[in-house]
Amino acid sequence: MKIAIIKTGGKQYKVKEGQKIKVEKIEGKSKKVKLETLLIASTDGKEIEIGQPSLGEKVEAKVISEGKGKKIEVVKFKSKTRYKRTIGHRQPFTELEIVKIG
């Protein structure tokens, strides 16, 4: 089994085949996605490919669903001036299943 480190949405994720992950929303209507790969390694550590800075698009994933995360509340408050502002935010995400590495 292989392990890969991918980069999407400004974040890096350690993934393996069959794993489901939630990433920042990916635009587009396609069912298959190719992700930018930074590193691919075997589980025993004998076979390693390291990108400088990346290996290209070597990890394939399937889009399972899209949605919004839990709501967080952002509160701004200034004392002695009667200022209080409350804002809610729900971050959109795309759920992916890793199909093939390498």
PDB file of N, CA and C in Angstrom:
ATOM      1  N   MET A   1       0.846  -1.177   0.000  1.00  0.00           N
ATOM      2  CA  MET A   1       0.000   0.000   0.000  1.00  0.00           C
ATOM      3  C   MET A   1       0.888   1.235   0.000  1.00  0.00           C
ATOM      4  N   LYS A   2       0.471   2.241  -0.742  1.00  0.00           N
ATOM      5  CA  LYS A   2       1.244   3.469  -0.841  1.00  0.00           C
ATOM      6  C   LYS A   2       0.583   4.584  -0.045  1.00  0.00           C
ATOM      7  N   ILE A   3       1.417   5.499   0.407  1.00  0.00           N
ATOM      8  CA  ILE A   3       0.979   6.701   1.123  1.00  0.00           C
ATOM      9  C   ILE A   3       1.442   7.892   0.292  1.00  0.00           C
ATOM     10  N   ALA A   4       0.604   8.919   0.203  1.00  0.00           N
ATOM     11  CA  ALA A   4       0.964  10.120  -0.549  1.00  0.00           C
ATOM     12  C   ALA A   4       0.648  11.355   0.268  1.00  0.00           C
ATOM     13  N   ILE A   5       1.391  12.406   0.013  1.00  0.00           N
ATOM     14  CA  ILE A   5       1.080  13.713   0.585  1.00  0.00           C
ATOM     15  C   ILE A   5       0.643  14.591  -0.582  1.00  0.00           C
ATOM     16  N   ILE A   6      -0.586  15.097  -0.495  1.00  0.00           N
ATOM     17  CA  ILE A   6      -1.147  15.912  -1.566  1.00  0.00           C
ATOM     18  C   ILE A   6      -1.349  17.338  -1.073  1.00  0.00           C
ATOM     19  N   LYS A   7      -1.499  18.246  -2.032  1.00  0.00           N
ATOM     20  CA  LYS A   7      -1.719  19.652  -1.700  1.00  0.00           C
ATOM     21  C   LYS A   7      -2.948  20.124  -2.444  1.00  0.00           C
ATOM     22  N   THR A   8      -3.933  20.646  -1.703  1.00  0.00           N
ATOM     23  CA  THR A   8      -5.122  21.221  -2.304  1.00  0.00           C
ATOM     24  C   THR A   8      -5.711  22.247  -1.353  1.00  0.00           C
ATOM     25  N   GLY A   9      -6.181  23.338  -1.891  1.00  0.00           N
ATOM     26  CA  GLY A   9      -6.801  24.380  -1.071  1.00  0.00           C
ATOM     27  C   GLY A   9      -5.851  25.040  -0.103  1.00  0.00           C
ATOM     28  N   GLY A  10      -4.545  25.068  -0.422  1.00  0.00           N
ATOM     29  CA  GLY A  10      -3.570  25.698   0.454  1.00  0.00           C
ATOM     30  C   GLY A  10      -3.178  24.853   1.651  1.00  0.00           C
ATOM     31  N   LYS A  11      -3.641  23.591   1.696  1.00  0.00           N
ATOM     32  CA  LYS A  11      -3.319  22.692   2.807  1.00  0.00           C
ATOM     33  C   LYS A  11      -2.717  21.398   2.269  1.00  0.00           C
ATOM     34  N   GLN A  12      -2.016  20.676   3.118  1.00  0.00           N
ATOM     35  CA  GLN A  12      -1.430  19.399   2.731  1.00  0.00           C
ATOM     36  C   GLN A  12      -2.110  18.282   3.516  1.00  0.00           C
ATOM     37  N   TYR A  13      -2.334  17.131   2.840  1.00  0.00           N
ATOM     38  CA  TYR A  13      -3.013  15.996   3.453  1.00  0.00           C
ATOM     39  C   TYR A  13      -2.217  14.729   3.201  1.00  0.00           C
ATOM     40  N   LYS A  14      -2.129  13.870   4.212  1.00  0.00           N
ATOM     41  CA  LYS A  14      -1.503  12.557   4.073  1.00  0.00           C
ATOM     42  C   LYS A  14      -2.623  11.567   3.778  1.00  0.00           C
ATOM     43  N   VAL A  15      -2.561  10.872   2.623  1.00  0.00           N
ATOM     44  CA  VAL A  15      -3.660  10.012   2.199  1.00  0.00           C
ATOM     45  C   VAL A  15      -3.154   8.643   1.771  1.00  0.00           C
ATOM     46  N   LYS A  16      -4.072   7.669   1.771  1.00  0.00           N
ATOM     47  CA  LYS A  16      -3.806   6.346   1.207  1.00  0.00           C
ATOM     48  C   LYS A  16      -5.027   5.907   0.419  1.00  0.00           C
ATOM     49  N   GLU A  17      -4.887   4.888  -0.401  1.00  0.00           N
ATOM     50  CA  GLU A  17      -5.971   4.446  -1.267  1.00  0.00           C
ATOM     51  C   GLU A  17      -7.173   3.992  -0.444  1.00  0.00           C
ATOM     52  N   GLY A  18      -8.370   4.402  -0.893  1.00  0.00           N
ATOM     53  CA  GLY A  18      -9.604   4.040  -0.208  1.00  0.00           C
ATOM     54  C   GLY A  18     -10.014   5.001   0.896  1.00  0.00           C
ATOM     55  N   GLN A  19      -9.164   5.942   1.248  1.00  0.00           N
ATOM     56  CA  GLN A  19      -9.451   6.884   2.333  1.00  0.00           C
ATOM     57  C   GLN A  19     -10.398   7.976   1.852  1.00  0.00           C
ATOM     58  N   LYS A  20     -11.270   8.448   2.743  1.00  0.00           N
ATOM     59  CA  LYS A  20     -12.173   9.563   2.460  1.00  0.00           C
ATOM     60  C   LYS A  20     -11.691  10.777   3.240  1.00  0.00           C
ATOM     61  N   ILE A  21     -11.606  11.918   2.552  1.00  0.00           N
ATOM     62  CA  ILE A  21     -11.156  13.156   3.196  1.00  0.00           C
ATOM     63  C   ILE A  21     -12.069  14.310   2.798  1.00  0.00           C
ATOM     64  N   LYS A  22     -12.137  15.327   3.659  1.00  0.00           N
ATOM     65  CA  LYS A  22     -12.861  16.556   3.360  1.00  0.00           C
ATOM     66  C   LYS A  22     -11.825  17.641   3.115  1.00  0.00           C
ATOM     67  N   VAL A  23     -11.922  18.283   1.936  1.00  0.00           N
ATOM     68  CA  VAL A  23     -10.983  19.336   1.562  1.00  0.00           C
ATOM     69  C   VAL A  23     -11.759  20.609   1.258  1.00  0.00           C
ATOM     70  N   GLU A  24     -11.040  21.713   1.089  1.00  0.00           N
ATOM     71  CA  GLU A  24     -11.671  22.965   0.674  1.00  0.00           C
ATOM     72  C   GLU A  24     -12.437  22.717  -0.613  1.00  0.00           C
ATOM     73  N   LYS A  25     -13.505  23.470  -0.828  1.00  0.00           N
ATOM     74  CA  LYS A  25     -14.367  23.254  -1.990  1.00  0.00           C
ATOM     75  C   LYS A  25     -13.580  23.341  -3.291  1.00  0.00           C
ATOM     76  N   ILE A  26     -13.788  22.341  -4.156  1.00  0.00           N
ATOM     77  CA  ILE A  26     -13.157  22.296  -5.470  1.00  0.00           C
ATOM     78  C   ILE A  26     -14.214  22.676  -6.497  1.00  0.00           C
ATOM     79  N   GLU A  27     -13.933  23.700  -7.290  1.00  0.00           N
ATOM     80  CA  GLU A  27     -14.874  24.163  -8.297  1.00  0.00           C
ATOM     81  C   GLU A  27     -14.918  23.183  -9.465  1.00  0.00           C
ATOM     82  N   GLY A  28     -16.074  23.062 -10.101  1.00  0.00           N
ATOM     83  CA  GLY A  28     -16.215  22.211 -11.275  1.00  0.00           C
ATOM     84  C   GLY A  28     -17.236  21.120 -11.024  1.00  0.00           C
ATOM     85  N   LYS A  29     -17.728  20.542 -12.115  1.00  0.00           N
ATOM     86  CA  LYS A  29     -18.769  19.528 -12.030  1.00  0.00           C
ATOM     87  C   LYS A  29     -18.243  18.118 -12.272  1.00  0.00           C
ATOM     88  N   SER A  30     -16.918  17.942 -12.361  1.00  0.00           N
ATOM     89  CA  SER A  30     -16.375  16.623 -12.690  1.00  0.00           C
ATOM     90  C   SER A  30     -16.492  15.659 -11.511  1.00  0.00           C
ATOM     91  N   LYS A  31     -16.603  14.377 -11.816  1.00  0.00           N
ATOM     92  CA  LYS A  31     -16.689  13.339 -10.782  1.00  0.00           C
ATOM     93  C   LYS A  31     -15.304  12.841 -10.379  1.00  0.00           C
ATOM     94  N   LYS A  32     -14.311  12.987 -11.265  1.00  0.00           N
ATOM     95  CA  LYS A  32     -12.944  12.570 -10.961  1.00  0.00           C
ATOM     96  C   LYS A  32     -12.063  13.802 -10.865  1.00  0.00           C
ATOM     97  N   VAL A  33     -11.126  13.771  -9.926  1.00  0.00           N
ATOM     98  CA  VAL A  33     -10.236  14.900  -9.689  1.00  0.00           C
ATOM     99  C   VAL A  33      -8.814  14.370  -9.626  1.00  0.00           C
ATOM    100  N   LYS A  34      -7.888  15.090 -10.236  1.00  0.00           N
ATOM    101  CA  LYS A  34      -6.471  14.758 -10.098  1.00  0.00           C
ATOM    102  C   LYS A  34      -5.850  15.799  -9.181  1.00  0.00           C
ATOM    103  N   LEU A  35      -5.077  15.348  -8.196  1.00  0.00           N
ATOM    104  CA  LEU A  35      -4.540  16.240  -7.174  1.00  0.00           C
ATOM    105  C   LEU A  35      -3.030  16.386  -7.301  1.00  0.00           C
ATOM    106  N   GLU A  36      -2.524  17.571  -6.960  1.00  0.00           N
ATOM    107  CA  GLU A  36      -1.091  17.836  -6.986  1.00  0.00           C
ATOM    108  C   GLU A  36      -0.406  17.031  -5.881  1.00  0.00           C
ATOM    109  N   THR A  37       0.590  16.244  -6.257  1.00  0.00           N
ATOM    110  CA  THR A  37       1.245  15.329  -5.326  1.00  0.00           C
ATOM    111  C   THR A  37       2.632  15.852  -4.964  1.00  0.00           C
ATOM    112  N   LEU A  38       2.940  15.860  -3.655  1.00  0.00           N
ATOM    113  CA  LEU A  38       4.241  16.323  -3.188  1.00  0.00           C
ATOM    114  C   LEU A  38       5.183  15.162  -2.892  1.00  0.00           C
ATOM    115  N   LEU A  39       4.623  14.025  -2.434  1.00  0.00           N
ATOM    116  CA  LEU A  39       5.458  12.887  -2.058  1.00  0.00           C
ATOM    117  C   LEU A  39       4.651  11.603  -2.177  1.00  0.00           C
ATOM    118  N   ILE A  40       5.288  10.527  -2.638  1.00  0.00           N
ATOM    119  CA  ILE A  40       4.674   9.198  -2.646  1.00  0.00           C
ATOM    120  C   ILE A  40       5.666   8.247  -1.992  1.00  0.00           C
ATOM    121  N   ALA A  41       5.195   7.432  -1.043  1.00  0.00           N
ATOM    122  CA  ALA A  41       6.058   6.484  -0.357  1.00  0.00           C
ATOM    123  C   ALA A  41       5.313   5.179  -0.133  1.00  0.00           C
ATOM    124  N   SER A  42       6.067   4.080  -0.086  1.00  0.00           N
ATOM    125  CA  SER A  42       5.459   2.800   0.278  1.00  0.00           C
ATOM    126  C   SER A  42       5.417   2.716   1.792  1.00  0.00           C
ATOM    127  N   THR A  43       4.572   1.831   2.327  1.00  0.00           N
ATOM    128  CA  THR A  43       4.404   1.767   3.782  1.00  0.00           C
ATOM    129  C   THR A  43       5.661   1.261   4.488  1.00  0.00           C
ATOM    130  N   ASP A  44       6.468   0.430   3.827  1.00  0.00           N
ATOM    131  CA  ASP A  44       7.695  -0.052   4.477  1.00  0.00           C
ATOM    132  C   ASP A  44       8.825   0.974   4.395  1.00  0.00           C
ATOM    133  N   GLY A  45       8.657   2.025   3.562  1.00  0.00           N
ATOM    134  CA  GLY A  45       9.636   3.110   3.496  1.00  0.00           C
ATOM    135  C   GLY A  45      10.795   2.857   2.557  1.00  0.00           C
ATOM    136  N   LYS A  46      10.760   1.770   1.782  1.00  0.00           N
ATOM    137  CA  LYS A  46      11.874   1.458   0.882  1.00  0.00           C
ATOM    138  C   LYS A  46      11.787   2.205  -0.439  1.00  0.00           C
ATOM    139  N   GLU A  47      10.583   2.534  -0.867  1.00  0.00           N
ATOM    140  CA  GLU A  47      10.376   3.175  -2.162  1.00  0.00           C
ATOM    141  C   GLU A  47       9.765   4.556  -1.942  1.00  0.00           C
ATOM    142  N   ILE A  48      10.518   5.616  -2.251  1.00  0.00           N
ATOM    143  CA  ILE A  48      10.039   6.973  -2.004  1.00  0.00           C
ATOM    144  C   ILE A  48      10.272   7.831  -3.247  1.00  0.00           C
ATOM    145  N   GLU A  49       9.244   8.592  -3.641  1.00  0.00           N
ATOM    146  CA  GLU A  49       9.371   9.595  -4.703  1.00  0.00           C
ATOM    147  C   GLU A  49       9.097  10.948  -4.066  1.00  0.00           C
ATOM    148  N   ILE A  50      10.035  11.868  -4.215  1.00  0.00           N
ATOM    149  CA  ILE A  50       9.874  13.197  -3.636  1.00  0.00           C
ATOM    150  C   ILE A  50       9.864  14.217  -4.762  1.00  0.00           C
ATOM    151  N   GLY A  51       8.867  15.088  -4.766  1.00  0.00           N
ATOM    152  CA  GLY A  51       8.758  16.117  -5.785  1.00  0.00           C
ATOM    153  C   GLY A  51       9.528  17.356  -5.402  1.00  0.00           C
ATOM    154  N   GLN A  52      10.021  18.075  -6.426  1.00  0.00           N
ATOM    155  CA  GLN A  52      10.755  19.291  -6.144  1.00  0.00           C
ATOM    156  C   GLN A  52      10.235  20.408  -7.017  1.00  0.00           C
ATOM    157  N   PRO A  53       9.162  21.102  -6.733  1.00  0.00           N
ATOM    158  CA  PRO A  53       8.341  21.033  -5.532  1.00  0.00           C
ATOM    159  C   PRO A  53       7.231  19.995  -5.594  1.00  0.00           C
ATOM    160  N   SER A  54       6.838  19.493  -6.813  1.00  0.00           N
ATOM    161  CA  SER A  54       5.763  18.508  -6.843  1.00  0.00           C
ATOM    162  C   SER A  54       6.048  17.464  -7.912  1.00  0.00           C
ATOM    163  N   LEU A  55       5.327  16.338  -7.837  1.00  0.00           N
ATOM    164  CA  LEU A  55       5.451  15.258  -8.811  1.00  0.00           C
ATOM    165  C   LEU A  55       4.450  15.403  -9.951  1.00  0.00           C
ATOM    166  N   GLY A  56       3.614  16.416  -9.896  1.00  0.00           N
ATOM    167  CA  GLY A  56       2.552  16.573 -10.885  1.00  0.00           C
ATOM    168  C   GLY A  56       1.252  16.044 -10.320  1.00  0.00           C
ATOM    169  N   GLU A  57       0.380  15.565 -11.193  1.00  0.00           N
ATOM    170  CA  GLU A  57      -0.929  15.073 -10.763  1.00  0.00           C
ATOM    171  C   GLU A  57      -0.944  13.556 -10.816  1.00  0.00           C
ATOM    172  N   LYS A  58      -0.464  12.910  -9.764  1.00  0.00           N
ATOM    173  CA  LYS A  58      -0.363  11.454  -9.742  1.00  0.00           C
ATOM    174  C   LYS A  58      -1.391  10.780  -8.846  1.00  0.00           C
ATOM    175  N   VAL A  59      -2.206  11.539  -8.135  1.00  0.00           N
ATOM    176  CA  VAL A  59      -3.233  10.958  -7.260  1.00  0.00           C
ATOM    177  C   VAL A  59      -4.603  11.258  -7.857  1.00  0.00           C
ATOM    178  N   GLU A  60      -5.395  10.189  -8.052  1.00  0.00           N
ATOM    179  CA  GLU A  60      -6.751  10.347  -8.574  1.00  0.00           C
ATOM    180  C   GLU A  60      -7.745  10.171  -7.442  1.00  0.00           C
ATOM    181  N   ALA A  61      -8.772  11.018  -7.433  1.00  0.00           N
ATOM    182  CA  ALA A  61      -9.802  10.952  -6.396  1.00  0.00           C
ATOM    183  C   ALA A  61     -11.169  11.073  -7.045  1.00  0.00           C
ATOM    184  N   LYS A  62     -12.175  10.540  -6.345  1.00  0.00           N
ATOM    185  CA  LYS A  62     -13.549  10.591  -6.814  1.00  0.00           C
ATOM    186  C   LYS A  62     -14.332  11.501  -5.874  1.00  0.00           C
ATOM    187  N   VAL A  63     -15.139  12.415  -6.440  1.00  0.00           N
ATOM    188  CA  VAL A  63     -15.949  13.328  -5.633  1.00  0.00           C
ATOM    189  C   VAL A  63     -17.160  12.563  -5.113  1.00  0.00           C
ATOM    190  N   ILE A  64     -17.329  12.533  -3.792  1.00  0.00           N
ATOM    191  CA  ILE A  64     -18.463  11.844  -3.171  1.00  0.00           C
ATOM    192  C   ILE A  64     -19.596  12.832  -2.928  1.00  0.00           C
ATOM    193  N   SER A  65     -19.288  13.956  -2.289  1.00  0.00           N
ATOM    194  CA  SER A  65     -20.334  14.937  -1.993  1.00  0.00           C
ATOM    195  C   SER A  65     -19.719  16.315  -1.786  1.00  0.00           C
ATOM    196  N   GLU A  66     -20.590  17.297  -1.747  1.00  0.00           N
ATOM    197  CA  GLU A  66     -20.205  18.659  -1.421  1.00  0.00           C
ATOM    198  C   GLU A  66     -21.162  19.167  -0.354  1.00  0.00           C
ATOM    199  N   GLY A  67     -20.705  20.064   0.487  1.00  0.00           N
ATOM    200  CA  GLY A  67     -21.582  20.576   1.532  1.00  0.00           C
ATOM    201  C   GLY A  67     -20.936  21.719   2.277  1.00  0.00           C
ATOM    202  N   LYS A  68     -21.511  22.021   3.437  1.00  0.00           N
ATOM    203  CA  LYS A  68     -20.984  23.070   4.299  1.00  0.00           C
ATOM    204  C   LYS A  68     -20.686  22.475   5.664  1.00  0.00           C
ATOM    205  N   GLY A  69     -19.644  22.977   6.304  1.00  0.00           N
ATOM    206  CA  GLY A  69     -19.253  22.504   7.615  1.00  0.00           C
ATOM    207  C   GLY A  69     -20.135  23.062   8.714  1.00  0.00           C
ATOM    208  N   LYS A  70     -19.749  22.777   9.960  1.00  0.00           N
ATOM    209  CA  LYS A  70     -20.505  23.290  11.101  1.00  0.00           C
ATOM    210  C   LYS A  70     -20.383  24.807  11.170  1.00  0.00           C
ATOM    211  N   LYS A  71     -21.402  25.438  11.697  1.00  0.00           N
ATOM    212  CA  LYS A  71     -21.419  26.895  11.795  1.00  0.00           C
ATOM    213  C   LYS A  71     -20.545  27.348  12.961  1.00  0.00           C
ATOM    214  N   ILE A  72     -19.734  28.353  12.690  1.00  0.00           N
ATOM    215  CA  ILE A  72     -18.970  28.987  13.758  1.00  0.00           C
ATOM    216  C   ILE A  72     -19.459  30.422  13.883  1.00  0.00           C
ATOM    217  N   GLU A  73     -19.398  30.966  15.086  1.00  0.00           N
ATOM    218  CA  GLU A  73     -19.809  32.341  15.312  1.00  0.00           C
ATOM    219  C   GLU A  73     -18.576  33.197  15.561  1.00  0.00           C
ATOM    220  N   VAL A  74     -18.527  34.322  14.875  1.00  0.00           N
ATOM    221  CA  VAL A  74     -17.444  35.276  15.044  1.00  0.00           C
ATOM    222  C   VAL A  74     -18.030  36.481  15.749  1.00  0.00           C
ATOM    223  N   VAL A  75     -17.459  36.851  16.903  1.00  0.00           N
ATOM    224  CA  VAL A  75     -17.982  37.966  17.704  1.00  0.00           C
ATOM    225  C   VAL A  75     -16.925  39.059  17.771  1.00  0.00           C
ATOM    226  N   LYS A  76     -17.335  40.274  17.426  1.00  0.00           N
ATOM    227  CA  LYS A  76     -16.478  41.451  17.575  1.00  0.00           C
ATOM    228  C   LYS A  76     -17.073  42.291  18.701  1.00  0.00           C
ATOM    229  N   PHE A  77     -16.234  42.747  19.602  1.00  0.00           N
ATOM    230  CA  PHE A  77     -16.725  43.477  20.762  1.00  0.00           C
ATOM    231  C   PHE A  77     -15.700  44.530  21.166  1.00  0.00           C
ATOM    232  N   LYS A  78     -16.184  45.739  21.424  1.00  0.00           N
ATOM    233  CA  LYS A  78     -15.329  46.796  21.950  1.00  0.00           C
ATOM    234  C   LYS A  78     -15.981  47.327  23.216  1.00  0.00           C
ATOM    235  N   SER A  79     -15.221  47.338  24.278  1.00  0.00           N
ATOM    236  CA  SER A  79     -15.784  47.778  25.550  1.00  0.00           C
ATOM    237  C   SER A  79     -15.950  49.292  25.589  1.00  0.00           C
ATOM    238  N   LYS A  80     -16.900  49.730  26.355  1.00  0.00           N
ATOM    239  CA  LYS A  80     -17.174  51.138  26.649  1.00  0.00           C
ATOM    240  C   LYS A  80     -17.692  51.938  25.459  1.00  0.00           C
ATOM    241  N   THR A  81     -17.950  51.291  24.315  1.00  0.00           N
ATOM    242  CA  THR A  81     -18.448  52.042  23.158  1.00  0.00           C
ATOM    243  C   THR A  81     -19.758  51.479  22.628  1.00  0.00           C
ATOM    244  N   ARG A  82     -20.346  50.521  23.322  1.00  0.00           N
ATOM    245  CA  ARG A  82     -21.597  49.886  22.933  1.00  0.00           C
ATOM    246  C   ARG A  82     -21.519  49.269  21.527  1.00  0.00           C
ATOM    247  N   TYR A  83     -20.377  48.652  21.236  1.00  0.00           N
ATOM    248  CA  TYR A  83     -20.196  48.019  19.921  1.00  0.00           C
ATOM    249  C   TYR A  83     -20.104  46.505  20.092  1.00  0.00           C
ATOM    250  N   LYS A  84     -21.008  45.787  19.450  1.00  0.00           N
ATOM    251  CA  LYS A  84     -20.969  44.328  19.458  1.00  0.00           C
ATOM    252  C   LYS A  84     -21.525  43.843  18.123  1.00  0.00           C
ATOM    253  N   ARG A  85     -20.798  42.965  17.449  1.00  0.00           N
ATOM    254  CA  ARG A  85     -21.217  42.447  16.153  1.00  0.00           C
ATOM    255  C   ARG A  85     -21.024  40.929  16.159  1.00  0.00           C
ATOM    256  N   THR A  86     -22.039  40.189  15.740  1.00  0.00           N
ATOM    257  CA  THR A  86     -21.970  38.734  15.675  1.00  0.00           C
ATOM    258  C   THR A  86     -22.216  38.299  14.230  1.00  0.00           C
ATOM    259  N   ILE A  87     -21.314  37.464  13.712  1.00  0.00           N
ATOM    260  CA  ILE A  87     -21.406  36.967  12.346  1.00  0.00           C
ATOM    261  C   ILE A  87     -21.254  35.445  12.382  1.00  0.00           C
ATOM    262  N   GLY A  88     -22.034  34.731  11.566  1.00  0.00           N
ATOM    263  CA  GLY A  88     -21.892  33.288  11.450  1.00  0.00           C
ATOM    264  C   GLY A  88     -21.219  32.923  10.136  1.00  0.00           C
ATOM    265  N   HIS A  89     -20.502  31.786  10.133  1.00  0.00           N
ATOM    266  CA  HIS A  89     -19.799  31.344   8.926  1.00  0.00           C
ATOM    267  C   HIS A  89     -19.840  29.821   8.830  1.00  0.00           C
ATOM    268  N   ARG A  90     -20.133  29.298   7.630  1.00  0.00           N
ATOM    269  CA  ARG A  90     -20.078  27.861   7.357  1.00  0.00           C
ATOM    270  C   ARG A  90     -19.157  27.648   6.172  1.00  0.00           C
ATOM    271  N   GLN A  91     -18.052  26.943   6.386  1.00  0.00           N
ATOM    272  CA  GLN A  91     -17.047  26.732   5.349  1.00  0.00           C
ATOM    273  C   GLN A  91     -17.493  25.639   4.381  1.00  0.00           C
ATOM    274  N   PRO A  92     -17.531  25.912   3.069  1.00  0.00           N
ATOM    275  CA  PRO A  92     -17.892  24.869   2.108  1.00  0.00           C
ATOM    276  C   PRO A  92     -16.762  23.852   1.951  1.00  0.00           C
ATOM    277  N   PHE A  93     -17.117  22.580   1.716  1.00  0.00           N
ATOM    278  CA  PHE A  93     -16.120  21.537   1.548  1.00  0.00           C
ATOM    279  C   PHE A  93     -16.541  20.580   0.431  1.00  0.00           C
ATOM    280  N   THR A  94     -15.570  19.791  -0.032  1.00  0.00           N
ATOM    281  CA  THR A  94     -15.805  18.711  -0.980  1.00  0.00           C
ATOM    282  C   THR A  94     -15.257  17.447  -0.347  1.00  0.00           C
ATOM    283  N   GLU A  95     -16.067  16.389  -0.312  1.00  0.00           N
ATOM    284  CA  GLU A  95     -15.610  15.112   0.232  1.00  0.00           C
ATOM    285  C   GLU A  95     -15.082  14.251  -0.912  1.00  0.00           C
ATOM    286  N   LEU A  96     -13.837  13.759  -0.757  1.00  0.00           N
ATOM    287  CA  LEU A  96     -13.182  12.976  -1.793  1.00  0.00           C
ATOM    288  C   LEU A  96     -12.855  11.579  -1.282  1.00  0.00           C
ATOM    289  N   GLU A  97     -12.843  10.609  -2.201  1.00  0.00           N
ATOM    290  CA  GLU A  97     -12.352   9.266  -1.906  1.00  0.00           C
ATOM    291  C   GLU A  97     -11.158   9.029  -2.810  1.00  0.00           C
ATOM    292  N   ILE A  98     -10.000   8.660  -2.227  1.00  0.00           N
ATOM    293  CA  ILE A  98      -8.770   8.440  -2.984  1.00  0.00           C
ATOM    294  C   ILE A  98      -8.913   7.101  -3.719  1.00  0.00           C
ATOM    295  N   VAL A  99      -8.810   7.146  -5.055  1.00  0.00           N
ATOM    296  CA  VAL A  99      -8.986   5.949  -5.873  1.00  0.00           C
ATOM    297  C   VAL A  99      -7.653   5.299  -6.204  1.00  0.00           C
ATOM    298  N   LYS A 100      -6.679   6.092  -6.671  1.00  0.00           N
ATOM    299  CA  LYS A 100      -5.417   5.525  -7.153  1.00  0.00           C
ATOM    300  C   LYS A 100      -4.267   6.457  -6.826  1.00  0.00           C
ATOM    301  N   ILE A 101      -3.149   5.891  -6.399  1.00  0.00           N
ATOM    302  CA  ILE A 101      -1.941   6.646  -6.128  1.00  0.00           C
ATOM    303  C   ILE A 101      -0.859   6.157  -7.075  1.00  0.00           C
ATOM    304  N   GLY A 102      -0.262   7.111  -7.792  1.00  0.00           N
ATOM    305  CA  GLY A 102       0.868   6.781  -8.664  1.00  0.00           C
ATOM    306  C   GLY A 102       0.527   6.235 -10.014  1.00  0.00           C
TER     307      GLY A 102
END
